[in-house]
Amino acid sequence: MRGMVLEEIIYEANLNENVQLNETYKILSTISSSDLSIVYLAQVIESGERVVIKEFYPKALVIRDLDGKTLVCGYSTNKKKLNTLKQSFLEEVHFLKILIHPNIIKYIDHFEENETIYLVMEYCEGYTLENYRQQDSFQISAFLKEVYLPLINTLDYVHNQGIIHRDLKPKNIIIDKNGTLKMIDFGSAAYIETNSDRKIFTTKGYSPIEFYSNQSKQGTYSDIYSMAAIFYYILKGKPPADAPSRVIEDSLEPLGSKDYSISPWLLKKIMKSLSLQAAERPNSIASFTPLIKLEYILIKLKNKIQKVEKKPDYQ
């Protein structure tokens, strides 16, 4: 009798290239993955239009079936947790459907297939704010006018809908090939007035202290902390010290006048917005608008004066 040879077959978590979904979309490549999802670049089969598809895939709870597409819950005891996370994913779908703004990634479609959920969004060819800061052509005046002001206006719109983003960071801000800013990833978003039990994915340097506890109250001031951290990163080239590390002894390196010659009143506003105490932070992101506009004007005036001073004297 011949012996049986057992072969261990390892199936990749990602969907393979050219896999079709909902008889409408074709997978082109994998963009990124996290603990709860996989993001793909895909194509509308009929039109050839490129889109982004986010697949609900909680890797600690599921595996792919032998067809390479269908999700199977690893243990029956995990089904309740799986359903809870699935509802959370559907909340992200809900937020993208109702948040209609030129600077927010556009919802296109969502559907259930392969025992999971797929969220289809517009594809924005460009780069993240992190990449933007690293470019040789980076200018603080352009950042203020073309990036930070639109970002403020976008977040103000989100807050006016009664929603907080809860995951603002350079990687979640895209600047497309036309220079248009796009806010992405509402996977942690929640309504301000509800005590959402949706999981928050904290990011070192960008998440306020209240995001590290399920018991802490959260509000617009929580997003404002992250917005100030983004501004801090732009000036320093690195994020501020992580909030939990500042609790016993605040090790936050202050911003100074040497940081792109930013005005002291704006630096003070940023530093106040990075306070560990939520009550010390501003409640309205719109309060930043006049300061940013004024700072842009002052920088342009400084640059104009410097050009005049450098002009050669032929007399």
C-alpha atoms as a PDB file:
ATOM      1  CA  MET A   1       0.000   0.000   0.000  1.00  0.00           C
ATOM      2  CA  ARG A   2       1.382   3.305  -1.046  1.00  0.00           C
ATOM      3  CA  GLY A   3       1.937   5.879   1.642  1.00  0.00           C
ATOM      4  CA  MET A   4      -0.058   9.057   1.550  1.00  0.00           C
ATOM      5  CA  VAL A   5       1.985  12.222   1.132  1.00  0.00           C
ATOM      6  CA  LEU A   6       0.480  15.201   2.891  1.00  0.00           C
ATOM      7  CA  GLU A   7       1.263  18.489   1.267  1.00  0.00           C
ATOM      8  CA  GLU A   8       0.894  21.749   3.127  1.00  0.00           C
ATOM      9  CA  ILE A   9      -0.627  24.267   0.776  1.00  0.00           C
ATOM     10  CA  ILE A  10      -0.340  27.910   1.736  1.00  0.00           C
ATOM     11  CA  TYR A  11      -2.933  30.150   0.172  1.00  0.00           C
ATOM     12  CA  GLU A  12      -2.162  33.828  -0.114  1.00  0.00           C
ATOM     13  CA  ALA A  13      -4.635  36.091   1.674  1.00  0.00           C
ATOM     14  CA  ASN A  14      -4.840  38.536  -1.234  1.00  0.00           C
ATOM     15  CA  LEU A  15      -7.135  37.964  -4.173  1.00  0.00           C
ATOM     16  CA  ASN A  16      -5.213  37.050  -7.305  1.00  0.00           C
ATOM     17  CA  GLU A  17      -4.834  39.311 -10.299  1.00  0.00           C
ATOM     18  CA  ASN A  18      -7.735  39.147 -12.797  1.00  0.00           C
ATOM     19  CA  VAL A  19     -10.205  37.774 -10.235  1.00  0.00           C
ATOM     20  CA  GLN A  20     -13.657  39.160 -11.068  1.00  0.00           C
ATOM     21  CA  LEU A  21     -16.012  40.550  -8.438  1.00  0.00           C
ATOM     22  CA  ASN A  22     -19.754  41.115  -8.706  1.00  0.00           C
ATOM     23  CA  GLU A  23     -19.451  40.435 -12.464  1.00  0.00           C
ATOM     24  CA  THR A  24     -18.387  44.085 -12.700  1.00  0.00           C
ATOM     25  CA  TYR A  25     -14.834  44.535 -11.452  1.00  0.00           C
ATOM     26  CA  LYS A  26     -11.472  42.894 -12.160  1.00  0.00           C
ATOM     27  CA  ILE A  27      -8.595  42.890  -9.674  1.00  0.00           C
ATOM     28  CA  LEU A  28      -5.382  44.425 -11.061  1.00  0.00           C
ATOM     29  CA  SER A  29      -3.082  44.463  -8.023  1.00  0.00           C
ATOM     30  CA  THR A  30      -2.906  44.771  -4.239  1.00  0.00           C
ATOM     31  CA  ILE A  31      -2.315  48.263  -2.848  1.00  0.00           C
ATOM     32  CA  SER A  32      -2.132  47.589   0.888  1.00  0.00           C
ATOM     33  CA  SER A  33      -3.440  45.436   3.733  1.00  0.00           C
ATOM     34  CA  SER A  34      -4.199  45.801   7.431  1.00  0.00           C
ATOM     35  CA  ASP A  35      -5.548  43.646  10.251  1.00  0.00           C
ATOM     36  CA  LEU A  36      -9.107  44.115   8.997  1.00  0.00           C
ATOM     37  CA  SER A  37      -8.970  44.708   5.265  1.00  0.00           C
ATOM     38  CA  ILE A  38      -7.142  44.396   1.973  1.00  0.00           C
ATOM     39  CA  VAL A  39      -7.145  47.244  -0.554  1.00  0.00           C
ATOM     40  CA  TYR A  40      -6.919  46.542  -4.293  1.00  0.00           C
ATOM     41  CA  LEU A  41      -6.501  48.477  -7.487  1.00  0.00           C
ATOM     42  CA  ALA A  42      -9.238  47.213  -9.787  1.00  0.00           C
ATOM     43  CA  GLN A  43     -10.871  47.934 -13.104  1.00  0.00           C
ATOM     44  CA  VAL A  44     -14.481  48.271 -14.206  1.00  0.00           C
ATOM     45  CA  ILE A  45     -14.710  45.485 -16.796  1.00  0.00           C
ATOM     46  CA  GLU A  46     -17.118  47.290 -19.115  1.00  0.00           C
ATOM     47  CA  SER A  47     -15.525  50.764 -19.162  1.00  0.00           C
ATOM     48  CA  GLY A  48     -11.910  50.099 -18.169  1.00  0.00           C
ATOM     49  CA  GLU A  49     -12.165  52.761 -15.442  1.00  0.00           C
ATOM     50  CA  ARG A  50      -9.796  52.203 -12.522  1.00  0.00           C
ATOM     51  CA  VAL A  51     -11.240  52.022  -9.020  1.00  0.00           C
ATOM     52  CA  VAL A  52     -10.109  51.084  -5.523  1.00  0.00           C
ATOM     53  CA  ILE A  53     -11.766  48.133  -3.801  1.00  0.00           C
ATOM     54  CA  LYS A  54     -11.514  47.587  -0.058  1.00  0.00           C
ATOM     55  CA  GLU A  55     -12.242  44.007   1.008  1.00  0.00           C
ATOM     56  CA  PHE A  56     -13.326  43.198   4.556  1.00  0.00           C
ATOM     57  CA  TYR A  57     -10.721  40.653   5.638  1.00  0.00           C
ATOM     58  CA  PRO A  58     -10.091  40.300   9.419  1.00  0.00           C
ATOM     59  CA  LYS A  59      -7.036  38.112   9.068  1.00  0.00           C
ATOM     60  CA  ALA A  60      -7.066  36.862  12.665  1.00  0.00           C
ATOM     61  CA  LEU A  61     -10.543  35.389  12.203  1.00  0.00           C
ATOM     62  CA  VAL A  62     -10.804  34.113   8.618  1.00  0.00           C
ATOM     63  CA  ILE A  63      -8.996  32.157   5.924  1.00  0.00           C
ATOM     64  CA  ARG A  64      -9.563  31.770   2.191  1.00  0.00           C
ATOM     65  CA  ASP A  65     -11.387  28.676   1.017  1.00  0.00           C
ATOM     66  CA  LEU A  66      -9.873  26.444  -1.669  1.00  0.00           C
ATOM     67  CA  ASP A  67     -11.413  28.615  -4.419  1.00  0.00           C
ATOM     68  CA  GLY A  68      -9.025  31.411  -3.387  1.00  0.00           C
ATOM     69  CA  LYS A  69     -11.913  33.870  -2.919  1.00  0.00           C
ATOM     70  CA  THR A  70     -14.462  32.810  -0.316  1.00  0.00           C
ATOM     71  CA  LEU A  71     -13.831  33.662   3.328  1.00  0.00           C
ATOM     72  CA  VAL A  72     -14.268  30.983   5.978  1.00  0.00           C
ATOM     73  CA  CYS A  73     -14.402  31.710   9.689  1.00  0.00           C
ATOM     74  CA  GLY A  74     -11.569  29.792  11.325  1.00  0.00           C
ATOM     75  CA  TYR A  75     -13.493  28.881  14.507  1.00  0.00           C
ATOM     76  CA  SER A  76     -17.223  28.933  15.211  1.00  0.00           C
ATOM     77  CA  THR A  77     -16.500  30.749  18.489  1.00  0.00           C
ATOM     78  CA  ASN A  78     -15.258  33.724  16.438  1.00  0.00           C
ATOM     79  CA  LYS A  79     -18.488  34.207  14.479  1.00  0.00           C
ATOM     80  CA  LYS A  80     -19.956  36.743  16.900  1.00  0.00           C
ATOM     81  CA  LYS A  81     -16.799  38.856  16.783  1.00  0.00           C
ATOM     82  CA  LEU A  82     -16.696  38.490  13.010  1.00  0.00           C
ATOM     83  CA  ASN A  83     -20.261  39.797  12.666  1.00  0.00           C
ATOM     84  CA  THR A  84     -19.464  42.743  14.965  1.00  0.00           C
ATOM     85  CA  LEU A  85     -16.460  43.699  12.846  1.00  0.00           C
ATOM     86  CA  LYS A  86     -18.529  43.280   9.692  1.00  0.00           C
ATOM     87  CA  GLN A  87     -21.079  45.773  11.016  1.00  0.00           C
ATOM     88  CA  SER A  88     -18.225  48.164  11.766  1.00  0.00           C
ATOM     89  CA  PHE A  89     -17.035  47.842   8.164  1.00  0.00           C
ATOM     90  CA  LEU A  90     -20.556  48.661   6.982  1.00  0.00           C
ATOM     91  CA  GLU A  91     -20.421  51.831   9.094  1.00  0.00           C
ATOM     92  CA  GLU A  92     -17.434  52.975   7.033  1.00  0.00           C
ATOM     93  CA  VAL A  93     -19.530  52.330   3.921  1.00  0.00           C
ATOM     94  CA  HIS A  94     -22.316  54.437   5.451  1.00  0.00           C
ATOM     95  CA  PHE A  95     -20.017  57.376   6.224  1.00  0.00           C
ATOM     96  CA  LEU A  96     -18.551  57.439   2.716  1.00  0.00           C
ATOM     97  CA  LYS A  97     -22.031  57.342   1.178  1.00  0.00           C
ATOM     98  CA  ILE A  98     -23.236  60.388   3.118  1.00  0.00           C
ATOM     99  CA  LEU A  99     -20.012  62.448   3.064  1.00  0.00           C
ATOM    100  CA  ILE A 100     -20.146  64.034  -0.372  1.00  0.00           C
ATOM    101  CA  HIS A 101     -17.323  66.543  -0.722  1.00  0.00           C
ATOM    102  CA  PRO A 102     -14.724  67.210  -3.471  1.00  0.00           C
ATOM    103  CA  ASN A 103     -11.900  66.595  -0.984  1.00  0.00           C
ATOM    104  CA  ILE A 104     -13.215  63.281   0.360  1.00  0.00           C
ATOM    105  CA  ILE A 105     -12.620  60.021  -1.480  1.00  0.00           C
ATOM    106  CA  LYS A 106     -15.811  59.255  -3.434  1.00  0.00           C
ATOM    107  CA  TYR A 107     -18.018  56.260  -2.726  1.00  0.00           C
ATOM    108  CA  ILE A 108     -18.948  54.305  -5.870  1.00  0.00           C
ATOM    109  CA  ASP A 109     -20.467  50.996  -4.815  1.00  0.00           C
ATOM    110  CA  HIS A 110     -20.534  48.240  -2.222  1.00  0.00           C
ATOM    111  CA  PHE A 111     -21.702  44.639  -2.336  1.00  0.00           C
ATOM    112  CA  GLU A 112     -21.503  41.302  -0.556  1.00  0.00           C
ATOM    113  CA  GLU A 113     -19.818  38.359  -2.189  1.00  0.00           C
ATOM    114  CA  ASN A 114     -17.521  35.504  -1.154  1.00  0.00           C
ATOM    115  CA  GLU A 115     -18.933  35.694   2.395  1.00  0.00           C
ATOM    116  CA  THR A 116     -17.521  39.193   2.845  1.00  0.00           C
ATOM    117  CA  ILE A 117     -18.108  42.842   1.922  1.00  0.00           C
ATOM    118  CA  TYR A 118     -16.444  44.973  -0.743  1.00  0.00           C
ATOM    119  CA  LEU A 119     -16.337  48.777  -0.778  1.00  0.00           C
ATOM    120  CA  VAL A 120     -15.652  50.412  -4.150  1.00  0.00           C
ATOM    121  CA  MET A 121     -14.172  53.935  -4.226  1.00  0.00           C
ATOM    122  CA  GLU A 122     -12.699  56.313  -6.764  1.00  0.00           C
ATOM    123  CA  TYR A 123      -9.054  55.795  -7.673  1.00  0.00           C
ATOM    124  CA  CYS A 124      -6.843  58.834  -7.097  1.00  0.00           C
ATOM    125  CA  GLU A 125      -3.490  58.688  -8.815  1.00  0.00           C
ATOM    126  CA  GLY A 126      -1.070  60.709  -6.719  1.00  0.00           C
ATOM    127  CA  TYR A 127       0.895  60.563  -3.486  1.00  0.00           C
ATOM    128  CA  THR A 128       0.344  60.833   0.255  1.00  0.00           C
ATOM    129  CA  LEU A 129       1.039  63.921   2.354  1.00  0.00           C
ATOM    130  CA  GLU A 130       4.021  62.036   3.737  1.00  0.00           C
ATOM    131  CA  ASN A 131       5.532  61.839   0.240  1.00  0.00           C
ATOM    132  CA  TYR A 132       4.558  65.479  -0.412  1.00  0.00           C
ATOM    133  CA  ARG A 133       6.636  66.672   2.547  1.00  0.00           C
ATOM    134  CA  GLN A 134       9.693  64.761   1.305  1.00  0.00           C
ATOM    135  CA  GLN A 135       9.738  66.371  -2.150  1.00  0.00           C
ATOM    136  CA  ASP A 136      12.604  68.740  -3.009  1.00  0.00           C
ATOM    137  CA  SER A 137      10.088  71.235  -4.406  1.00  0.00           C
ATOM    138  CA  PHE A 138       8.209  71.478  -1.081  1.00  0.00           C
ATOM    139  CA  GLN A 139       7.257  75.055  -0.091  1.00  0.00           C
ATOM    140  CA  ILE A 140       5.491  75.999   3.143  1.00  0.00           C
ATOM    141  CA  SER A 141       3.387  78.681   1.411  1.00  0.00           C
ATOM    142  CA  ALA A 142       2.045  76.159  -1.110  1.00  0.00           C
ATOM    143  CA  PHE A 143       1.303  73.727   1.721  1.00  0.00           C
ATOM    144  CA  LEU A 144      -0.707  76.332   3.616  1.00  0.00           C
ATOM    145  CA  LYS A 145      -2.819  77.391   0.629  1.00  0.00           C
ATOM    146  CA  GLU A 146      -3.131  74.199  -1.412  1.00  0.00           C
ATOM    147  CA  VAL A 147      -3.145  71.519   1.291  1.00  0.00           C
ATOM    148  CA  TYR A 148      -3.783  72.687   4.839  1.00  0.00           C
ATOM    149  CA  LEU A 149      -6.599  75.154   4.097  1.00  0.00           C
ATOM    150  CA  PRO A 150      -8.541  72.592   1.992  1.00  0.00           C
ATOM    151  CA  LEU A 151      -7.882  70.022   4.723  1.00  0.00           C
ATOM    152  CA  ILE A 152      -9.323  72.388   7.355  1.00  0.00           C
ATOM    153  CA  ASN A 153     -12.398  73.056   5.205  1.00  0.00           C
ATOM    154  CA  THR A 154     -12.896  69.332   4.582  1.00  0.00           C
ATOM    155  CA  LEU A 155     -12.666  68.424   8.250  1.00  0.00           C
ATOM    156  CA  ASP A 156     -14.994  71.293   9.141  1.00  0.00           C
ATOM    157  CA  TYR A 157     -17.537  69.800   6.712  1.00  0.00           C
ATOM    158  CA  VAL A 158     -17.133  66.359   8.331  1.00  0.00           C
ATOM    159  CA  HIS A 159     -17.591  67.807  11.827  1.00  0.00           C
ATOM    160  CA  ASN A 160     -20.674  69.750  10.698  1.00  0.00           C
ATOM    161  CA  GLN A 161     -22.228  66.403   9.735  1.00  0.00           C
ATOM    162  CA  GLY A 162     -21.744  65.306  13.347  1.00  0.00           C
ATOM    163  CA  ILE A 163     -18.859  62.970  12.503  1.00  0.00           C
ATOM    164  CA  ILE A 164     -15.256  62.702  13.693  1.00  0.00           C
ATOM    165  CA  HIS A 165     -12.637  60.998  11.523  1.00  0.00           C
ATOM    166  CA  ARG A 166     -10.403  59.614  14.342  1.00  0.00           C
ATOM    167  CA  ASP A 167      -7.536  58.537  12.085  1.00  0.00           C
ATOM    168  CA  LEU A 168      -6.084  61.685  10.517  1.00  0.00           C
ATOM    169  CA  LYS A 169      -2.425  61.340   9.548  1.00  0.00           C
ATOM    170  CA  PRO A 170      -0.219  62.048   6.493  1.00  0.00           C
ATOM    171  CA  LYS A 171      -0.822  58.553   5.062  1.00  0.00           C
ATOM    172  CA  ASN A 172      -4.576  59.194   5.018  1.00  0.00           C
ATOM    173  CA  ILE A 173      -4.261  62.388   2.992  1.00  0.00           C
ATOM    174  CA  ILE A 174      -3.749  61.962  -0.751  1.00  0.00           C
ATOM    175  CA  ILE A 175      -2.842  64.669  -3.242  1.00  0.00           C
ATOM    176  CA  ASP A 176      -3.885  63.595  -6.722  1.00  0.00           C
ATOM    177  CA  LYS A 177      -2.115  64.351 -10.001  1.00  0.00           C
ATOM    178  CA  ASN A 178      -4.160  67.558 -10.365  1.00  0.00           C
ATOM    179  CA  GLY A 179      -3.065  68.790  -6.934  1.00  0.00           C
ATOM    180  CA  THR A 180      -6.466  68.103  -5.356  1.00  0.00           C
ATOM    181  CA  LEU A 181      -6.434  66.921  -1.758  1.00  0.00           C
ATOM    182  CA  LYS A 182      -8.401  63.786  -0.828  1.00  0.00           C
ATOM    183  CA  MET A 183      -9.180  62.623   2.711  1.00  0.00           C
ATOM    184  CA  ILE A 184      -9.363  58.828   2.882  1.00  0.00           C
ATOM    185  CA  ASP A 185      -9.952  55.917   5.293  1.00  0.00           C
ATOM    186  CA  PHE A 186     -13.048  56.440   7.423  1.00  0.00           C
ATOM    187  CA  GLY A 187     -12.604  53.025   9.023  1.00  0.00           C
ATOM    188  CA  SER A 188     -12.445  54.539  12.530  1.00  0.00           C
ATOM    189  CA  ALA A 189     -14.973  57.347  12.001  1.00  0.00           C
ATOM    190  CA  ALA A 190     -17.864  57.770  14.443  1.00  0.00           C
ATOM    191  CA  TYR A 191     -20.751  60.071  15.234  1.00  0.00           C
ATOM    192  CA  ILE A 192     -19.773  62.674  17.833  1.00  0.00           C
ATOM    193  CA  GLU A 193     -22.894  62.243  19.954  1.00  0.00           C
ATOM    194  CA  THR A 194     -22.629  58.461  20.287  1.00  0.00           C
ATOM    195  CA  ASN A 195     -20.188  56.426  22.343  1.00  0.00           C
ATOM    196  CA  SER A 196     -19.047  54.281  19.460  1.00  0.00           C
ATOM    197  CA  ASP A 197     -17.372  51.009  20.321  1.00  0.00           C
ATOM    198  CA  ARG A 198     -15.757  50.893  16.895  1.00  0.00           C
ATOM    199  CA  LYS A 199     -12.102  49.979  17.132  1.00  0.00           C
ATOM    200  CA  ILE A 200      -9.674  52.877  16.787  1.00  0.00           C
ATOM    201  CA  PHE A 201      -6.321  52.216  15.180  1.00  0.00           C
ATOM    202  CA  THR A 202      -3.945  54.554  16.979  1.00  0.00           C
ATOM    203  CA  THR A 203      -0.931  55.961  15.168  1.00  0.00           C
ATOM    204  CA  LYS A 204       2.162  56.997  17.088  1.00  0.00           C
ATOM    205  CA  GLY A 205       2.434  60.778  17.165  1.00  0.00           C
ATOM    206  CA  TYR A 206      -0.932  61.518  15.560  1.00  0.00           C
ATOM    207  CA  SER A 207      -3.458  60.022  17.984  1.00  0.00           C
ATOM    208  CA  PRO A 208      -4.551  62.032  21.055  1.00  0.00           C
ATOM    209  CA  ILE A 209      -4.391  60.436  24.489  1.00  0.00           C
ATOM    210  CA  GLU A 210      -8.165  59.794  24.587  1.00  0.00           C
ATOM    211  CA  PHE A 211      -7.847  57.348  21.683  1.00  0.00           C
ATOM    212  CA  TYR A 212      -5.856  54.995  23.900  1.00  0.00           C
ATOM    213  CA  SER A 213      -8.827  54.327  26.199  1.00  0.00           C
ATOM    214  CA  ASN A 214     -12.312  53.068  25.408  1.00  0.00           C
ATOM    215  CA  GLN A 215     -13.633  55.009  28.410  1.00  0.00           C
ATOM    216  CA  SER A 216     -12.373  58.455  27.350  1.00  0.00           C
ATOM    217  CA  LYS A 217     -14.692  61.025  25.807  1.00  0.00           C
ATOM    218  CA  GLN A 218     -13.926  61.996  22.218  1.00  0.00           C
ATOM    219  CA  GLY A 219     -14.949  64.967  20.114  1.00  0.00           C
ATOM    220  CA  THR A 220     -13.926  67.420  17.421  1.00  0.00           C
ATOM    221  CA  TYR A 221     -10.961  68.350  19.634  1.00  0.00           C
ATOM    222  CA  SER A 222      -9.642  64.812  19.074  1.00  0.00           C
ATOM    223  CA  ASP A 223      -9.354  65.387  15.311  1.00  0.00           C
ATOM    224  CA  ILE A 224      -7.879  68.838  16.000  1.00  0.00           C
ATOM    225  CA  TYR A 225      -5.025  67.179  17.907  1.00  0.00           C
ATOM    226  CA  SER A 226      -4.301  65.048  14.820  1.00  0.00           C
ATOM    227  CA  MET A 227      -4.499  68.098  12.554  1.00  0.00           C
ATOM    228  CA  ALA A 228      -1.981  69.929  14.760  1.00  0.00           C
ATOM    229  CA  ALA A 229       0.245  66.830  14.680  1.00  0.00           C
ATOM    230  CA  ILE A 230       0.145  66.919  10.865  1.00  0.00           C
ATOM    231  CA  PHE A 231       1.220  70.577  10.897  1.00  0.00           C
ATOM    232  CA  TYR A 232       3.974  69.719  13.391  1.00  0.00           C
ATOM    233  CA  TYR A 233       5.205  66.951  11.066  1.00  0.00           C
ATOM    234  CA  ILE A 234       5.301  69.353   8.125  1.00  0.00           C
ATOM    235  CA  LEU A 235       7.461  71.825  10.082  1.00  0.00           C
ATOM    236  CA  LYS A 236       9.740  69.347  11.851  1.00  0.00           C
ATOM    237  CA  GLY A 237       9.857  66.517   9.332  1.00  0.00           C
ATOM    238  CA  LYS A 238       8.794  64.123  12.101  1.00  0.00           C
ATOM    239  CA  PRO A 239       5.600  63.612  14.147  1.00  0.00           C
ATOM    240  CA  PRO A 240       5.319  64.889  17.716  1.00  0.00           C
ATOM    241  CA  ALA A 241       6.150  62.597  20.631  1.00  0.00           C
ATOM    242  CA  ASP A 242       3.552  59.874  21.146  1.00  0.00           C
ATOM    243  CA  ALA A 243       0.804  61.007  23.547  1.00  0.00           C
ATOM    244  CA  PRO A 244       1.170  58.172  26.135  1.00  0.00           C
ATOM    245  CA  SER A 245       4.909  58.887  26.455  1.00  0.00           C
ATOM    246  CA  ARG A 246       4.105  62.480  27.463  1.00  0.00           C
ATOM    247  CA  VAL A 247       1.833  61.666  30.415  1.00  0.00           C
ATOM    248  CA  ILE A 248       4.405  61.481  33.238  1.00  0.00           C
ATOM    249  CA  GLU A 249       6.826  64.002  31.765  1.00  0.00           C
ATOM    250  CA  ASP A 250       5.836  65.966  28.687  1.00  0.00           C
ATOM    251  CA  SER A 251       8.696  65.454  26.256  1.00  0.00           C
ATOM    252  CA  LEU A 252       7.083  67.294  23.345  1.00  0.00           C
ATOM    253  CA  GLU A 253       9.722  69.336  21.533  1.00  0.00           C
ATOM    254  CA  PRO A 254       8.288  72.841  21.053  1.00  0.00           C
ATOM    255  CA  LEU A 255       7.970  74.545  17.708  1.00  0.00           C
ATOM    256  CA  GLY A 256      10.075  77.653  17.259  1.00  0.00           C
ATOM    257  CA  SER A 257      10.524  80.613  14.939  1.00  0.00           C
ATOM    258  CA  LYS A 258      13.267  78.722  13.090  1.00  0.00           C
ATOM    259  CA  ASP A 259      10.682  76.258  11.812  1.00  0.00           C
ATOM    260  CA  TYR A 260      10.009  77.871   8.403  1.00  0.00           C
ATOM    261  CA  SER A 261       9.737  81.299  10.136  1.00  0.00           C
ATOM    262  CA  ILE A 262       6.141  80.627  11.126  1.00  0.00           C
ATOM    263  CA  SER A 263       4.524  83.389  13.201  1.00  0.00           C
ATOM    264  CA  PRO A 264       4.544  82.860  16.983  1.00  0.00           C
ATOM    265  CA  TRP A 265       0.746  83.149  17.302  1.00  0.00           C
ATOM    266  CA  LEU A 266       0.220  80.274  14.862  1.00  0.00           C
ATOM    267  CA  LEU A 267       2.886  78.153  16.574  1.00  0.00           C
ATOM    268  CA  LYS A 268       1.143  78.806  19.894  1.00  0.00           C
ATOM    269  CA  LYS A 269      -2.171  77.662  18.398  1.00  0.00           C
ATOM    270  CA  ILE A 270      -0.569  74.441  17.117  1.00  0.00           C
ATOM    271  CA  MET A 271       1.131  73.685  20.433  1.00  0.00           C
ATOM    272  CA  LYS A 272      -2.095  74.338  22.357  1.00  0.00           C
ATOM    273  CA  SER A 273      -3.916  71.961  20.010  1.00  0.00           C
ATOM    274  CA  LEU A 274      -1.360  69.275  20.914  1.00  0.00           C
ATOM    275  CA  SER A 275      -2.210  69.503  24.600  1.00  0.00           C
ATOM    276  CA  LEU A 276      -2.826  66.197  26.373  1.00  0.00           C
ATOM    277  CA  GLN A 277      -5.804  67.839  28.092  1.00  0.00           C
ATOM    278  CA  ALA A 278      -8.705  67.898  25.636  1.00  0.00           C
ATOM    279  CA  ALA A 279     -10.262  70.899  27.416  1.00  0.00           C
ATOM    280  CA  GLU A 280      -7.218  73.016  26.510  1.00  0.00           C
ATOM    281  CA  ARG A 281      -7.586  72.370  22.779  1.00  0.00           C
ATOM    282  CA  PRO A 282      -9.809  74.365  20.402  1.00  0.00           C
ATOM    283  CA  ASN A 283     -13.219  72.846  19.691  1.00  0.00           C
ATOM    284  CA  SER A 284     -13.567  74.194  16.153  1.00  0.00           C
ATOM    285  CA  ILE A 285     -11.188  73.446  13.310  1.00  0.00           C
ATOM    286  CA  ALA A 286     -12.622  76.486  11.511  1.00  0.00           C
ATOM    287  CA  SER A 287     -10.824  78.695  14.053  1.00  0.00           C
ATOM    288  CA  PHE A 288      -7.588  77.845  12.216  1.00  0.00           C
ATOM    289  CA  THR A 289      -8.746  79.329   8.908  1.00  0.00           C
ATOM    290  CA  PRO A 290      -8.026  83.059   9.513  1.00  0.00           C
ATOM    291  CA  LEU A 291      -4.611  82.266  11.040  1.00  0.00           C
ATOM    292  CA  ILE A 292      -3.583  80.073   8.105  1.00  0.00           C
ATOM    293  CA  LYS A 293      -4.761  82.673   5.571  1.00  0.00           C
ATOM    294  CA  LEU A 294      -2.864  85.415   7.410  1.00  0.00           C
ATOM    295  CA  GLU A 295       0.251  83.264   7.617  1.00  0.00           C
ATOM    296  CA  TYR A 296       0.136  82.617   3.874  1.00  0.00           C
ATOM    297  CA  ILE A 297      -0.076  86.359   3.153  1.00  0.00           C
ATOM    298  CA  LEU A 298       2.813  87.116   5.533  1.00  0.00           C
ATOM    299  CA  ILE A 299       5.054  84.472   3.959  1.00  0.00           C
ATOM    300  CA  LYS A 300       4.345  85.790   0.461  1.00  0.00           C
ATOM    301  CA  LEU A 301       5.149  89.336   1.638  1.00  0.00           C
ATOM    302  CA  LYS A 302       8.396  88.177   3.264  1.00  0.00           C
ATOM    303  CA  ASN A 303       9.428  86.397   0.072  1.00  0.00           C
ATOM    304  CA  LYS A 304       8.618  89.473  -2.018  1.00  0.00           C
ATOM    305  CA  ILE A 305      10.660  91.743   0.290  1.00  0.00           C
ATOM    306  CA  GLN A 306      13.597  89.332   0.216  1.00  0.00           C
ATOM    307  CA  LYS A 307      13.565  89.328  -3.594  1.00  0.00           C
ATOM    308  CA  VAL A 308      13.621  93.136  -3.644  1.00  0.00           C
ATOM    309  CA  GLU A 309      16.503  93.245  -1.137  1.00  0.00           C
ATOM    310  CA  LYS A 310      18.502  90.776  -3.230  1.00  0.00           C
ATOM    311  CA  LYS A 311      17.960  92.778  -6.422  1.00  0.00           C
ATOM    312  CA  PRO A 312      21.347  94.042  -7.644  1.00  0.00           C
ATOM    313  CA  ASP A 313      22.037  97.783  -7.499  1.00  0.00           C
ATOM    314  CA  TYR A 314      23.255  98.992 -10.927  1.00  0.00           C
ATOM    315  CA  GLN A 315      23.576 102.663  -9.944  1.00  0.00           C
END
